[in-house]
Amino acid sequence: AAAAVANEAKVHATKAALRDLWIGHVFWTRNVVIAALAGDAPAKQSAEVQVVANAQAIAGAIEPFYGAAAKKKLFALLAGHYGAVKAYLEASLAKNEKQKSEATSKLLDNAGEIATFLSSANPHLAKDTLEGLLQAHGGHHIAQIQQLQGKDHAGEAKTWADMSQHMYVLSDALADALAKQFPTNF
C-alpha cells in the first residue's frame, strides 16, 4: 500500500496559521515590554491578556492532533515561557542582575521542557534542534528587552526582523512535522 501523502495546499495553510499565531506571540510580548518600560499599567495589562489568549490559541492548534491533555500541557509550558520573559523584564526594570540571570536560566530550562514535550509527541521533531530554536527565541526576547530599555531602536528593529523570521522557521518546522506524522489530516 502506498504511504499517505499530505495535501500541500493544506500544509501551506497550516504553516500560515501557525506563523500568524507565533508572530502574535512576539507582537503581544513586545507590547507588554513597551508598556512596562513606559509605566503604562493599563496598556501592559491589556497586552498581557492578549499574550495569554495567544498562548491558548497556540496550544489549541495541537489539540486536533494530540488531544486536550496535550493542549493543556503545551499551554502550561507556554505560560512558563512567558513567565520567564516577564521575570527577565521585571528584573531589568529593577536593575537586578541576579534576578535577570535566574530568569534567563528559567527561559533556557523552559526551552528544553517545550522541546522535550513536542519531540516526544512527534518523531519528526528532533529534540536538540527544537531546543536550539527555542533557546534562540528566548535570546531574542532578552535582546529585545535590553534594546528597548536602552533605546537602541536600530538594534531592536534588527532583532524584531530576526525574531519574526525565526518564528517562521519554528512554525514551518512544526507544520511540516505534523504533516509527516498525520498526512491524512492534511
Protein backbone atom coordinates (compact mmCIF):
# COMPACT_ATOMS: atom_id res chain seq x y z
CA ALA A 1 0.00 0.00 0.00
CA ALA A 2 1.21 3.49 -0.79
CA ALA A 3 2.06 5.75 2.10
CA ALA A 4 -0.34 8.62 2.67
CA VAL A 5 0.87 11.99 1.41
CA ALA A 6 -0.23 15.30 2.87
CA ASN A 7 -2.06 17.77 0.68
CA GLU A 8 0.49 20.56 0.10
CA ALA A 9 -2.17 23.29 0.00
CA LYS A 10 -3.35 22.25 3.46
CA VAL A 11 0.24 22.10 4.72
CA HIS A 12 0.83 25.66 3.47
CA ALA A 13 -2.41 26.82 5.10
CA THR A 14 -1.28 25.27 8.38
CA LYS A 15 2.10 26.98 8.09
CA ALA A 16 0.36 30.32 7.52
CA ALA A 17 -1.91 29.78 10.53
CA LEU A 18 0.98 28.79 12.79
CA ARG A 19 3.05 31.74 11.57
CA ASP A 20 0.21 34.09 12.50
CA LEU A 21 -0.03 32.55 15.95
CA TRP A 22 3.70 32.71 16.67
CA ILE A 23 4.02 36.24 15.28
CA GLY A 24 1.14 37.13 17.59
CA HIS A 25 3.20 35.79 20.49
CA VAL A 26 6.17 38.06 19.79
CA PHE A 27 3.93 41.01 18.90
CA TRP A 28 1.96 40.94 22.15
CA THR A 29 5.00 40.17 24.27
CA ARG A 30 6.74 43.18 22.73
CA ASN A 31 3.68 45.29 23.59
CA VAL A 32 3.97 44.17 27.22
CA VAL A 33 7.62 45.23 27.26
CA ILE A 34 6.90 48.64 25.71
CA ALA A 35 4.04 49.31 28.11
CA ALA A 36 6.11 48.24 31.13
CA LEU A 37 9.01 50.46 30.10
CA ALA A 38 6.59 53.36 29.67
CA GLY A 39 5.00 52.69 33.06
CA ASP A 40 1.61 52.28 31.38
CA ALA A 41 -0.09 49.69 33.61
CA PRO A 42 -3.43 49.58 31.71
CA ALA A 43 -1.66 49.00 28.38
CA LYS A 44 0.55 46.35 29.96
CA GLN A 45 -2.46 44.56 31.45
CA SER A 46 -4.30 44.66 28.12
CA ALA A 47 -1.29 43.26 26.28
CA GLU A 48 -0.87 40.51 28.87
CA VAL A 49 -4.48 39.43 28.30
CA GLN A 50 -3.58 39.05 24.63
CA VAL A 51 -0.38 37.11 25.46
CA VAL A 52 -2.48 34.58 27.38
CA ALA A 53 -5.14 34.36 24.67
CA ASN A 54 -2.43 33.83 22.08
CA ALA A 55 -0.78 31.08 24.15
CA GLN A 56 -4.16 29.37 24.43
CA ALA A 57 -4.56 29.58 20.65
CA ILE A 58 -1.08 28.15 20.02
CA ALA A 59 -1.78 25.29 22.41
CA GLY A 60 -5.18 24.80 20.80
CA ALA A 61 -3.51 24.28 17.43
CA ILE A 62 -2.14 20.93 18.57
CA GLU A 63 -5.36 19.67 20.15
CA PRO A 64 -6.79 18.14 16.93
CA PHE A 65 -3.63 16.03 16.65
CA TYR A 66 -2.73 15.17 20.25
CA GLY A 67 -5.85 15.80 22.32
CA ALA A 68 -6.98 18.04 25.17
CA ALA A 69 -4.33 16.87 27.65
CA ALA A 70 -1.55 17.84 25.24
CA LYS A 71 -3.18 21.22 24.68
CA LYS A 72 -3.27 21.80 28.43
CA LYS A 73 0.37 20.74 28.83
CA LEU A 74 1.58 22.97 26.00
CA PHE A 75 -0.36 25.91 27.42
CA ALA A 76 1.34 25.38 30.80
CA LEU A 77 4.74 25.27 29.09
CA LEU A 78 3.99 28.43 27.12
CA ALA A 79 2.87 30.11 30.34
CA GLY A 80 6.24 29.15 31.80
CA HIS A 81 7.96 30.68 28.78
CA TYR A 82 6.09 33.95 29.17
CA GLY A 83 6.64 33.87 32.93
CA ALA A 84 10.39 33.70 32.39
CA VAL A 85 10.30 36.55 29.85
CA LYS A 86 8.21 38.63 32.27
CA ALA A 87 10.61 37.84 35.13
CA TYR A 88 13.52 38.99 32.96
CA LEU A 89 11.65 42.20 32.12
CA GLU A 90 10.87 42.91 35.77
CA ALA A 91 14.48 42.20 36.79
CA SER A 92 15.68 44.54 34.04
CA LEU A 93 13.39 47.30 35.27
CA ALA A 94 14.70 46.73 38.81
CA LYS A 95 18.30 46.55 37.51
CA ASN A 96 18.73 43.28 39.42
CA GLU A 97 21.43 41.22 37.71
CA LYS A 98 20.89 38.16 39.92
CA GLN A 99 17.19 38.02 39.04
CA LYS A 100 17.98 38.57 35.36
CA SER A 101 20.33 35.59 35.49
CA GLU A 102 17.70 33.45 37.24
CA ALA A 103 15.08 34.45 34.66
CA THR A 104 17.47 33.60 31.84
CA SER A 105 18.04 30.16 33.36
CA LYS A 106 14.28 29.64 33.62
CA LEU A 107 13.87 30.65 29.99
CA LEU A 108 16.53 28.19 28.85
CA ASP A 109 15.16 25.39 31.04
CA ASN A 110 11.68 26.03 29.67
CA ALA A 111 13.01 25.77 26.11
CA GLY A 112 14.24 22.30 26.99
CA GLU A 113 10.90 21.36 28.52
CA ILE A 114 8.97 22.50 25.45
CA ALA A 115 11.42 20.71 23.14
CA THR A 116 11.13 17.50 25.16
CA PHE A 117 7.33 17.68 25.12
CA LEU A 118 7.00 18.36 21.39
CA SER A 119 9.70 15.93 20.28
CA SER A 120 8.21 13.15 22.40
CA ALA A 121 4.84 13.76 20.74
CA ASN A 122 6.21 13.93 17.21
CA PRO A 123 9.14 11.81 15.97
CA HIS A 124 9.73 14.30 13.15
CA LEU A 125 10.83 16.99 15.61
CA ALA A 126 14.40 16.48 16.75
CA LYS A 127 14.68 17.50 20.40
CA ASP A 128 18.10 19.11 20.09
CA THR A 129 17.14 21.10 17.00
CA LEU A 130 13.89 22.24 18.57
CA GLU A 131 15.62 23.17 21.83
CA GLY A 132 18.15 25.24 19.88
CA LEU A 133 15.36 27.05 18.06
CA LEU A 134 13.54 27.76 21.32
CA GLN A 135 16.68 28.91 23.11
CA ALA A 136 17.44 31.30 20.25
CA HIS A 137 13.87 32.55 20.54
CA GLY A 138 14.38 33.24 24.25
CA GLY A 139 17.58 35.08 23.36
CA HIS A 140 15.59 37.29 21.01
CA HIS A 141 13.24 38.22 23.85
CA ILE A 142 16.18 39.11 26.10
CA ALA A 143 17.92 41.16 23.40
CA GLN A 144 14.69 42.97 22.60
CA ILE A 145 14.10 43.90 26.24
CA GLN A 146 17.66 45.18 26.57
CA GLN A 147 17.45 47.14 23.33
CA LEU A 148 14.08 48.71 24.11
CA GLN A 149 15.21 49.61 27.61
CA GLY A 150 18.45 51.09 26.24
CA LYS A 151 16.58 52.95 23.48
CA ASP A 152 18.62 51.11 20.84
CA HIS A 153 15.90 51.44 18.20
CA ALA A 154 18.07 50.30 15.27
CA GLY A 155 19.21 47.24 17.19
CA GLU A 156 15.69 46.39 18.25
CA ALA A 157 14.46 46.76 14.66
CA LYS A 158 17.04 44.17 13.60
CA THR A 159 16.10 41.89 16.49
CA TRP A 160 12.42 42.21 15.53
CA ALA A 161 13.22 41.22 11.94
CA ASP A 162 15.35 38.28 13.12
CA MET A 163 12.70 37.25 15.64
CA SER A 164 9.95 37.36 13.02
CA GLN A 165 11.96 35.23 10.59
CA HIS A 166 12.78 32.85 13.41
CA MET A 167 9.08 32.44 14.21
CA TYR A 168 8.52 31.46 10.57
CA VAL A 169 11.24 28.79 10.82
CA LEU A 170 9.73 27.41 14.02
CA SER A 171 6.16 27.50 12.67
CA ASP A 172 7.13 25.81 9.42
CA ALA A 173 9.06 23.09 11.24
CA LEU A 174 6.03 22.36 13.42
CA ALA A 175 3.65 22.29 10.43
CA ASP A 176 5.95 20.04 8.41
CA ALA A 177 6.32 17.64 11.34
CA LEU A 178 2.55 17.49 11.81
CA ALA A 179 2.06 16.80 8.10
CA LYS A 180 4.61 13.97 8.21
CA GLN A 181 3.10 12.42 11.32
CA PHE A 182 -0.56 12.89 10.30
CA PRO A 183 -0.63 13.08 6.49
CA THR A 184 -4.27 12.02 6.29
CA ASN A 185 -5.24 15.09 8.36
CA PHE A 186 -3.95 17.33 5.59
